[in-house]
Amino acid sequence: MSMTATPPSVQATPAPAHSAFEDVNRFVRRASAMLEVADDVVAAIVACEREVVVSLPLRRDDGRIDVLTGYRVQHSQARGPRKGGIRFHQTVDLDDVRALASLMTWKTALIDVPFGGAKGGVAVDPRQLSDREHEELIRRWTRTMVHVLGPHRDIPAPDMGTTARTMGWLMDEFHRLEGFQPACVTGKPIALFGAPGREEATGRGVIQIAAAALRAHHRDAAGVRVVVQGFGNVGKFAIVSAIERGMKVIAVSDVTGAVVAPKGLTAEDVLATSVSELFGRYEQTDPARILEMECDVLIPAALGGVINDENASRIVAPFIIEAANQPIVGNADQHLHARGVTIVPDILANAGGVLGSYFEWTQNIQEFRWPIERFRDELDLRMATAFNNVHETSRRYSCNLREAAFVVSVGRVVESFLMRGQVI
């Protein structure tokens, strides 16, 4: 692992009292203890290799200038170039980006792709950006970060508040500066060297994992009742894949509201741009209560922290599939496990996105496009393999699936870190 010299833009900002980054590291340290990893090696693998914080002046359409804060945290390159999305959201801060970068390290190791972890973001409300402002912001972010990016250094992708179109602008700006390298970013539009299947990959992977979890408990996926919190890219494609598998999606919510569909949503429903467009077809309900509905499988697919100490006791679903990053926080995780709830952790459940990005990156480097059938077959096979590996590890170590996932990923990162010959 290359311990990069600290550049002038690195900010040694102390973590806040409650830190999402430390929440991740607790699981890393627990897995390291189970694997009997030396303390000095643990200290090395939990630390972020580089943290870049920049100011981004943005001229608004009304002529005023807003100075926004942008981030890129590179957590690890022990197993390959860093990989991670770019998030535009008003709550983005350095601790969040650290946590998400770290999760990417463990996620890529868990599904055994040759990447490390990174994450980027801008503290901005994307709903308040015009198309021109959005484009200028991602181009400015790219110009400012170009020295740490590249197809064999750090490969961004879309995340909350960014889209395939955003990645197309990023690629175009990178090409202006560094020449034609479509593998510099993934999640691009199909017309700009994107991969058929990449857009649906995260949501499809969530349902593959849900089906595998049900199978491990001797339950058939057909007919199970599913609740999805979130109606963005991940939530929509999870709904589509669930319906294809014969599951019944009985409720869905987003920022505009929530609906209950006792007979199940239809594939046509996901063509809506928001849940509010479904109000005329189904009964409305309180979005805050949707997580507490009686169902077989609960899929939080929006923001983190939605299941917490306040509402954990009211969650009744026997299976929770973490499509969002860190949707369960505080003591809620421990409480739910004690009640016998099966929780499939985010680093496994939503890993279809980075697996799909790996397929796109591979195709860009080869300059050869796969048919979508191959993409889907590879995704399904590798997601099922990853779940089976985690499930077997949980039995071997007598631990839950989250702990087992970190045991697998930490073991792989430590092995690569030590074999590179940089710890004497």
Protein backbone atom coordinates (compact mmCIF):
# COMPACT_ATOMS: atom_id res chain seq x y z
CA MET A 1 0.00 0.00 0.00
CA SER A 2 1.51 3.30 -1.09
CA MET A 3 1.55 5.75 1.80
CA THR A 4 1.22 8.91 -0.29
CA ALA A 5 2.96 12.02 0.98
CA THR A 6 0.53 14.54 2.39
CA PRO A 7 -0.19 17.20 -0.25
CA PRO A 8 -0.93 20.81 0.74
CA SER A 9 -4.67 20.26 0.13
CA VAL A 10 -4.95 17.54 2.74
CA GLN A 11 -6.94 18.63 5.77
CA ALA A 12 -6.12 16.81 9.03
CA THR A 13 -9.60 17.51 10.38
CA PRO A 14 -10.39 15.69 13.61
CA ALA A 15 -13.40 13.36 13.57
CA PRO A 16 -16.55 14.60 15.33
CA ALA A 17 -17.74 13.10 18.62
CA HIS A 18 -20.12 10.77 16.74
CA SER A 19 -18.36 9.68 13.60
CA ALA A 20 -19.71 7.61 10.72
CA PHE A 21 -16.08 6.83 9.89
CA GLU A 22 -15.52 5.42 13.37
CA ASP A 23 -18.72 3.40 13.06
CA VAL A 24 -17.13 1.64 10.08
CA ASN A 25 -13.79 1.26 11.82
CA ARG A 26 -15.40 -0.46 14.79
CA PHE A 27 -16.42 -3.30 12.51
CA VAL A 28 -12.97 -3.34 10.91
CA ARG A 29 -11.29 -3.61 14.31
CA ARG A 30 -13.73 -6.32 15.42
CA ALA A 31 -12.99 -8.36 12.29
CA SER A 32 -9.27 -7.76 12.75
CA ALA A 33 -9.47 -9.11 16.30
CA MET A 34 -11.26 -12.23 15.04
CA LEU A 35 -8.49 -12.67 12.45
CA GLU A 36 -5.76 -11.86 15.02
CA VAL A 37 -4.33 -9.04 12.91
CA ALA A 38 -1.51 -7.13 14.60
CA ASP A 39 -2.47 -3.73 16.05
CA ASP A 40 0.01 -1.80 13.90
CA VAL A 41 -1.39 -3.35 10.72
CA VAL A 42 -4.93 -2.48 11.85
CA ALA A 43 -3.85 1.12 12.38
CA ALA A 44 -2.50 1.19 8.82
CA ILE A 45 -5.56 -0.28 7.11
CA VAL A 46 -8.14 1.90 8.86
CA ALA A 47 -6.36 5.17 8.01
CA CYS A 48 -7.24 7.11 4.86
CA GLU A 49 -4.29 7.50 2.50
CA ARG A 50 -5.29 10.92 1.17
CA GLU A 51 -8.00 13.48 1.95
CA VAL A 52 -8.45 16.35 -0.48
CA VAL A 53 -10.69 19.29 0.46
CA VAL A 54 -11.17 22.12 -2.02
CA SER A 55 -13.24 25.28 -2.44
CA LEU A 56 -15.36 25.43 -5.58
CA PRO A 57 -16.57 28.90 -6.60
CA LEU A 58 -19.75 28.50 -8.64
CA ARG A 59 -21.39 31.34 -10.53
CA ARG A 60 -25.13 30.96 -10.20
CA ASP A 61 -27.58 31.75 -12.96
CA ASP A 62 -28.57 34.98 -11.18
CA GLY A 63 -24.94 36.20 -11.33
CA ARG A 64 -23.92 35.70 -7.68
CA ILE A 65 -21.01 33.44 -6.71
CA ASP A 66 -21.40 30.62 -4.20
CA VAL A 67 -18.25 29.10 -2.73
CA LEU A 68 -18.93 25.40 -2.17
CA THR A 69 -16.77 22.76 -0.50
CA GLY A 70 -15.70 19.68 -2.44
CA TYR A 71 -14.08 16.46 -1.23
CA ARG A 72 -12.18 13.42 -2.46
CA VAL A 73 -11.03 10.87 0.10
CA GLN A 74 -8.83 7.99 -1.03
CA HIS A 75 -8.89 5.30 1.61
CA SER A 76 -6.80 2.44 0.20
CA GLN A 77 -5.02 1.25 -2.91
CA ALA A 78 -3.82 -2.03 -1.37
CA ARG A 79 -5.85 -4.08 -3.87
CA GLY A 80 -5.93 -1.74 -6.85
CA PRO A 81 -6.85 1.79 -7.98
CA ARG A 82 -9.31 3.55 -5.72
CA LYS A 83 -12.98 3.46 -6.72
CA GLY A 84 -15.96 5.39 -5.43
CA GLY A 85 -18.86 7.66 -6.25
CA ILE A 86 -19.38 11.41 -6.13
CA ARG A 87 -22.23 12.64 -3.94
CA PHE A 88 -23.96 16.01 -4.30
CA HIS A 89 -25.93 16.57 -1.09
CA GLN A 90 -26.28 19.40 1.39
CA THR A 91 -25.22 17.19 4.34
CA VAL A 92 -21.93 16.02 2.81
CA ASP A 93 -18.96 16.56 5.11
CA LEU A 94 -15.47 15.13 5.50
CA ASP A 95 -16.45 12.49 8.05
CA ASP A 96 -19.22 11.14 5.81
CA VAL A 97 -16.87 10.96 2.84
CA ARG A 98 -14.22 9.20 4.93
CA ALA A 99 -16.78 6.62 6.04
CA LEU A 100 -18.02 6.01 2.50
CA ALA A 101 -14.47 5.76 1.13
CA SER A 102 -13.64 3.20 3.79
CA LEU A 103 -16.79 1.21 3.02
CA MET A 104 -15.71 1.08 -0.62
CA THR A 105 -12.41 -0.51 0.36
CA TRP A 106 -14.20 -3.30 2.21
CA LYS A 107 -16.94 -3.61 -0.42
CA THR A 108 -14.54 -4.06 -3.34
CA ALA A 109 -12.51 -6.58 -1.37
CA LEU A 110 -15.66 -8.47 -0.38
CA ILE A 111 -16.73 -9.04 -3.99
CA ASP A 112 -13.10 -9.63 -5.00
CA VAL A 113 -12.60 -6.95 -7.65
CA PRO A 114 -9.19 -5.25 -8.13
CA PHE A 115 -10.08 -1.87 -6.59
CA GLY A 116 -9.49 0.02 -3.40
CA GLY A 117 -11.81 2.55 -1.81
CA ALA A 118 -12.50 6.24 -2.44
CA LYS A 119 -15.40 8.67 -2.27
CA GLY A 120 -16.08 12.22 -3.33
CA GLY A 121 -18.70 14.86 -2.87
CA VAL A 122 -19.82 18.46 -2.80
CA ALA A 123 -21.86 20.02 0.00
CA VAL A 124 -24.73 21.31 -2.12
CA ASP A 125 -28.44 20.68 -2.58
CA PRO A 126 -28.62 19.25 -6.12
CA ARG A 127 -32.30 20.21 -6.36
CA GLN A 128 -31.22 23.86 -6.24
CA LEU A 129 -28.86 23.49 -9.22
CA SER A 130 -29.87 24.32 -12.77
CA ASP A 131 -28.51 22.04 -15.52
CA ARG A 132 -25.87 24.64 -16.35
CA GLU A 133 -24.83 24.99 -12.70
CA HIS A 134 -24.70 21.20 -12.23
CA GLU A 135 -22.49 20.82 -15.31
CA GLU A 136 -20.16 23.65 -14.32
CA LEU A 137 -19.86 22.28 -10.77
CA ILE A 138 -18.79 18.77 -11.83
CA ARG A 139 -16.40 20.22 -14.42
CA ARG A 140 -14.82 22.48 -11.79
CA TRP A 141 -14.60 19.57 -9.33
CA THR A 142 -12.85 17.52 -12.04
CA ARG A 143 -10.38 20.28 -12.93
CA THR A 144 -9.52 20.73 -9.27
CA MET A 145 -9.16 16.99 -8.56
CA VAL A 146 -7.58 15.85 -11.84
CA HIS A 147 -4.14 15.33 -10.25
CA VAL A 148 -5.50 12.51 -8.07
CA LEU A 149 -7.84 10.90 -10.65
CA GLY A 150 -7.28 8.50 -13.53
CA PRO A 151 -8.26 5.02 -14.79
CA HIS A 152 -5.42 3.41 -12.84
CA ARG A 153 -5.39 5.83 -9.89
CA ASP A 154 -8.96 6.71 -8.85
CA ILE A 155 -12.16 6.11 -10.80
CA PRO A 156 -15.29 8.08 -9.81
CA ALA A 157 -18.90 7.01 -10.38
CA PRO A 158 -22.37 8.48 -9.75
CA ASP A 159 -23.87 8.56 -6.28
CA MET A 160 -26.67 10.45 -4.57
CA GLY A 161 -27.40 13.69 -6.41
CA THR A 162 -25.32 12.78 -9.47
CA THR A 163 -26.28 10.82 -12.58
CA ALA A 164 -24.94 9.17 -15.71
CA ARG A 165 -25.16 12.58 -17.38
CA THR A 166 -22.96 14.04 -14.62
CA MET A 167 -20.37 11.34 -15.32
CA GLY A 168 -20.46 12.16 -19.02
CA TRP A 169 -19.54 15.78 -18.21
CA LEU A 170 -16.80 14.55 -15.86
CA MET A 171 -15.35 12.30 -18.57
CA ASP A 172 -15.43 15.11 -21.13
CA GLU A 173 -13.59 17.47 -18.77
CA PHE A 174 -11.02 14.79 -17.92
CA HIS A 175 -10.46 14.16 -21.64
CA ARG A 176 -9.81 17.87 -22.25
CA LEU A 177 -7.06 17.76 -19.64
CA GLU A 178 -5.60 14.25 -19.98
CA GLY A 179 -6.69 12.87 -23.37
CA PHE A 180 -9.13 10.14 -24.31
CA GLN A 181 -9.49 7.66 -21.42
CA PRO A 182 -13.12 6.51 -21.04
CA ALA A 183 -12.14 4.21 -18.14
CA CYS A 184 -11.48 7.35 -16.05
CA VAL A 185 -15.07 7.23 -14.76
CA THR A 186 -17.91 4.70 -14.67
CA GLY A 187 -21.69 4.99 -14.66
CA LYS A 188 -21.57 6.95 -17.93
CA PRO A 189 -24.38 7.15 -20.50
CA ILE A 190 -24.42 4.24 -22.94
CA ALA A 191 -23.69 6.65 -25.82
CA LEU A 192 -20.52 7.80 -24.00
CA PHE A 193 -18.89 4.38 -23.48
CA GLY A 194 -21.14 3.30 -20.63
CA ALA A 195 -22.07 -0.35 -20.16
CA PRO A 196 -25.56 -1.76 -20.77
CA GLY A 197 -26.63 -3.08 -17.37
CA ARG A 198 -24.64 -0.66 -15.22
CA GLU A 199 -27.61 1.58 -14.40
CA GLU A 200 -29.64 -1.31 -12.99
CA ALA A 201 -26.71 -3.11 -11.35
CA THR A 202 -27.09 -1.89 -7.75
CA GLY A 203 -30.83 -2.53 -7.55
CA ARG A 204 -30.56 -5.86 -9.34
CA GLY A 205 -27.76 -6.92 -7.01
CA VAL A 206 -29.86 -6.00 -3.95
CA ILE A 207 -32.57 -8.44 -5.03
CA GLN A 208 -30.06 -11.17 -5.89
CA ILE A 209 -28.75 -10.85 -2.35
CA ALA A 210 -32.26 -10.77 -0.87
CA ALA A 211 -33.13 -13.99 -2.71
CA ALA A 212 -29.89 -15.61 -1.53
CA ALA A 213 -30.61 -14.62 2.09
CA LEU A 214 -34.11 -16.08 1.86
CA ARG A 215 -32.70 -19.26 0.29
CA ALA A 216 -30.20 -19.62 3.14
CA HIS A 217 -33.18 -19.65 5.51
CA HIS A 218 -35.04 -22.19 3.35
CA ARG A 219 -37.54 -19.67 2.04
CA ASP A 220 -38.63 -19.11 -1.55
CA ALA A 221 -38.46 -15.57 -2.92
CA ALA A 222 -41.74 -15.94 -4.82
CA GLY A 223 -44.62 -14.28 -3.02
CA VAL A 224 -42.65 -12.62 -0.21
CA ARG A 225 -43.83 -9.14 0.79
CA VAL A 226 -41.26 -6.40 0.23
CA VAL A 227 -41.17 -2.79 1.44
CA VAL A 228 -38.75 -0.38 -0.29
CA GLN A 229 -37.80 2.93 1.26
CA GLY A 230 -36.41 5.04 -1.58
CA PHE A 231 -37.52 5.56 -5.17
CA GLY A 232 -34.28 6.63 -6.79
CA ASN A 233 -32.15 4.56 -9.13
CA VAL A 234 -31.47 1.81 -6.59
CA GLY A 235 -35.02 1.59 -5.27
CA LYS A 236 -36.62 1.55 -8.72
CA PHE A 237 -34.43 -1.20 -10.14
CA ALA A 238 -34.78 -3.18 -6.93
CA ILE A 239 -38.55 -3.02 -7.40
CA VAL A 240 -38.26 -4.12 -11.04
CA SER A 241 -35.99 -7.04 -10.13
CA ALA A 242 -38.19 -8.03 -7.18
CA ILE A 243 -41.26 -8.16 -9.41
CA GLU A 244 -39.36 -10.24 -11.98
CA ARG A 245 -38.58 -12.75 -9.21
CA GLY A 246 -42.20 -12.99 -8.19
CA MET A 247 -41.86 -10.90 -5.04
CA LYS A 248 -44.70 -8.58 -4.03
CA VAL A 249 -43.63 -4.97 -3.38
CA ILE A 250 -46.38 -3.79 -1.03
CA ALA A 251 -45.13 -0.28 -0.16
CA VAL A 252 -42.64 2.35 -1.33
CA SER A 253 -41.67 5.84 -0.19
CA ASP A 254 -39.49 8.80 -1.14
CA VAL A 255 -39.25 12.46 -0.13
CA THR A 256 -42.62 13.20 -1.75
CA GLY A 257 -44.60 10.62 0.23
CA ALA A 258 -45.42 6.92 0.52
CA VAL A 259 -47.99 4.50 -0.85
CA VAL A 260 -49.25 1.07 0.18
CA ALA A 261 -50.10 -1.50 -2.50
CA PRO A 262 -51.46 -4.65 -0.79
CA LYS A 263 -51.57 -6.55 -4.12
CA GLY A 264 -48.12 -5.32 -5.12
CA LEU A 265 -46.72 -2.61 -7.36
CA THR A 266 -46.47 -3.24 -11.10
CA ALA A 267 -43.43 -2.84 -13.33
CA GLU A 268 -45.15 0.14 -14.98
CA ASP A 269 -45.25 1.97 -11.64
CA VAL A 270 -41.48 2.50 -11.69
CA LEU A 271 -41.86 4.72 -14.75
CA ALA A 272 -43.12 7.42 -12.36
CA THR A 273 -40.55 10.08 -11.49
CA SER A 274 -41.62 10.19 -7.84
CA VAL A 275 -43.91 8.35 -5.43
CA SER A 276 -46.30 11.31 -5.50
CA GLU A 277 -47.25 10.27 -9.05
CA LEU A 278 -48.60 7.01 -7.59
CA PHE A 279 -50.97 8.72 -5.13
CA GLY A 280 -53.96 8.29 -7.43
CA ARG A 281 -53.39 4.56 -7.80
CA TYR A 282 -52.68 3.47 -4.23
CA GLU A 283 -53.44 4.37 -0.62
CA GLN A 284 -51.16 7.04 0.82
CA THR A 285 -49.38 6.56 4.14
CA ASP A 286 -46.92 8.39 6.37
CA PRO A 287 -43.37 7.98 4.95
CA ALA A 288 -42.01 7.92 8.51
CA ARG A 289 -44.00 4.75 9.23
CA ILE A 290 -43.09 2.75 6.16
CA LEU A 291 -40.02 1.20 7.79
CA GLU A 292 -42.27 -0.19 10.53
CA MET A 293 -44.75 -1.94 8.25
CA GLU A 294 -45.35 -5.65 8.52
CA CYS A 295 -43.51 -7.36 5.66
CA ASP A 296 -41.03 -10.16 4.95
CA VAL A 297 -38.19 -8.09 3.49
CA LEU A 298 -37.40 -4.45 4.27
CA ILE A 299 -35.09 -2.61 1.86
CA PRO A 300 -33.89 0.82 3.03
CA ALA A 301 -32.61 2.31 -0.25
CA ALA A 302 -32.30 6.01 0.52
CA LEU A 303 -30.27 7.95 3.10
CA GLY A 304 -28.22 6.48 5.93
CA GLY A 305 -29.31 6.54 9.56
CA VAL A 306 -32.99 5.85 8.95
CA ILE A 307 -33.09 2.90 11.39
CA ASN A 308 -31.79 4.08 14.74
CA ASP A 309 -32.20 3.82 18.49
CA GLU A 310 -35.53 5.64 18.35
CA ASN A 311 -37.37 3.36 15.91
CA ALA A 312 -35.49 0.03 16.00
CA SER A 313 -37.93 -1.51 18.48
CA ARG A 314 -40.79 -0.90 16.03
CA ILE A 315 -39.14 -2.63 13.06
CA VAL A 316 -40.95 -5.95 12.48
CA ALA A 317 -39.43 -7.21 9.19
CA PRO A 318 -37.47 -10.48 9.69
CA PHE A 319 -35.06 -9.60 6.82
CA ILE A 320 -33.41 -6.21 6.25
CA ILE A 321 -31.35 -5.74 3.08
CA GLU A 322 -29.21 -2.58 3.35
CA ALA A 323 -29.44 -1.07 -0.13
CA ALA A 324 -28.43 2.34 1.29
CA ASN A 325 -25.07 3.00 2.92
CA GLN A 326 -25.21 2.77 6.74
CA PRO A 327 -29.02 2.85 7.06
CA ILE A 328 -28.79 1.26 10.53
CA VAL A 329 -26.91 3.27 13.16
CA GLY A 330 -26.23 3.42 16.88
CA ASN A 331 -27.35 0.48 18.97
CA ALA A 332 -30.12 -0.38 16.51
CA ASP A 333 -27.95 -2.97 14.76
CA GLN A 334 -27.27 -4.84 17.99
CA HIS A 335 -30.91 -4.58 19.07
CA LEU A 336 -32.21 -6.03 15.81
CA HIS A 337 -29.68 -8.87 15.78
CA ALA A 338 -30.67 -9.75 19.36
CA ARG A 339 -34.26 -10.08 18.17
CA GLY A 340 -33.22 -12.51 15.44
CA VAL A 341 -33.56 -10.14 12.47
CA THR A 342 -31.37 -11.15 9.52
CA ILE A 343 -29.49 -8.05 8.34
CA VAL A 344 -27.53 -8.19 5.10
CA PRO A 345 -24.97 -5.36 5.42
CA ASP A 346 -24.52 -2.57 2.93
CA ILE A 347 -21.03 -3.63 1.86
CA LEU A 348 -22.59 -6.82 0.50
CA ALA A 349 -26.18 -5.84 -0.30
CA ASN A 350 -25.42 -2.83 -2.52
CA ALA A 351 -22.14 -4.10 -3.97
CA GLY A 352 -23.81 -4.70 -7.35
CA GLY A 353 -23.09 -1.07 -8.21
CA VAL A 354 -19.34 -1.30 -7.89
CA LEU A 355 -19.37 -4.74 -9.51
CA GLY A 356 -21.20 -3.19 -12.45
CA SER A 357 -18.65 -0.36 -12.47
CA TYR A 358 -15.87 -2.94 -12.60
CA PHE A 359 -17.51 -4.52 -15.65
CA GLU A 360 -17.78 -1.09 -17.33
CA TRP A 361 -14.17 -0.21 -16.48
CA THR A 362 -12.99 -3.57 -17.86
CA GLN A 363 -14.92 -3.05 -21.10
CA ASN A 364 -13.53 0.49 -21.49
CA ILE A 365 -9.96 -0.75 -21.08
CA GLN A 366 -10.54 -3.61 -23.53
CA GLU A 367 -12.48 -1.29 -25.88
CA PHE A 368 -14.98 -4.11 -26.26
CA ARG A 369 -18.64 -3.93 -25.21
CA TRP A 370 -20.39 -6.92 -23.66
CA PRO A 371 -24.01 -7.81 -24.46
CA ILE A 372 -26.30 -7.03 -21.53
CA GLU A 373 -27.05 -10.74 -21.03
CA ARG A 374 -23.40 -11.39 -20.19
CA PHE A 375 -23.36 -8.41 -17.83
CA ARG A 376 -26.42 -9.68 -15.95
CA ASP A 377 -25.19 -13.27 -15.81
CA GLU A 378 -21.80 -12.20 -14.44
CA LEU A 379 -23.45 -9.91 -11.90
CA ASP A 380 -25.89 -12.56 -10.68
CA LEU A 381 -23.20 -15.21 -10.36
CA ARG A 382 -20.71 -13.03 -8.50
CA MET A 383 -23.29 -11.57 -6.12
CA ALA A 384 -24.51 -15.07 -5.23
CA THR A 385 -20.92 -16.23 -4.74
CA ALA A 386 -20.19 -13.28 -2.45
CA PHE A 387 -23.27 -14.00 -0.32
CA ASN A 388 -22.43 -17.69 -0.04
CA ASN A 389 -18.90 -16.82 1.05
CA VAL A 390 -20.17 -14.42 3.73
CA HIS A 391 -22.82 -16.87 4.92
CA GLU A 392 -20.27 -19.67 5.27
CA THR A 393 -17.89 -17.33 7.12
CA SER A 394 -20.67 -16.37 9.54
CA ARG A 395 -21.14 -20.04 10.36
CA ARG A 396 -17.42 -20.67 10.70
CA TYR A 397 -16.90 -17.75 13.10
CA SER A 398 -20.34 -17.95 14.77
CA CYS A 399 -21.04 -14.32 13.97
CA ASN A 400 -23.65 -12.29 12.13
CA LEU A 401 -23.49 -11.43 8.43
CA ARG A 402 -22.09 -7.93 8.97
CA GLU A 403 -19.22 -9.23 11.06
CA ALA A 404 -18.64 -12.04 8.57
CA ALA A 405 -18.55 -9.62 5.63
CA PHE A 406 -15.86 -7.58 7.35
CA VAL A 407 -13.90 -10.73 8.23
CA VAL A 408 -13.79 -11.66 4.53
CA SER A 409 -12.91 -8.17 3.29
CA VAL A 410 -10.43 -7.29 6.03
CA GLY A 411 -8.67 -10.61 5.52
CA ARG A 412 -8.22 -9.89 1.81
CA VAL A 413 -7.01 -6.31 2.32
CA VAL A 414 -4.55 -7.32 5.05
CA GLU A 415 -3.17 -10.11 2.86
CA SER A 416 -2.61 -7.72 -0.06
CA PHE A 417 -1.18 -5.04 2.23
CA LEU A 418 1.39 -7.39 3.76
CA MET A 419 2.30 -9.14 0.51
CA ARG A 420 3.20 -5.80 -1.09
CA GLY A 421 6.20 -5.74 1.24
CA GLN A 422 5.64 -2.40 2.92
CA VAL A 423 5.36 -3.57 6.50
CA ILE A 424 8.64 -4.85 7.95
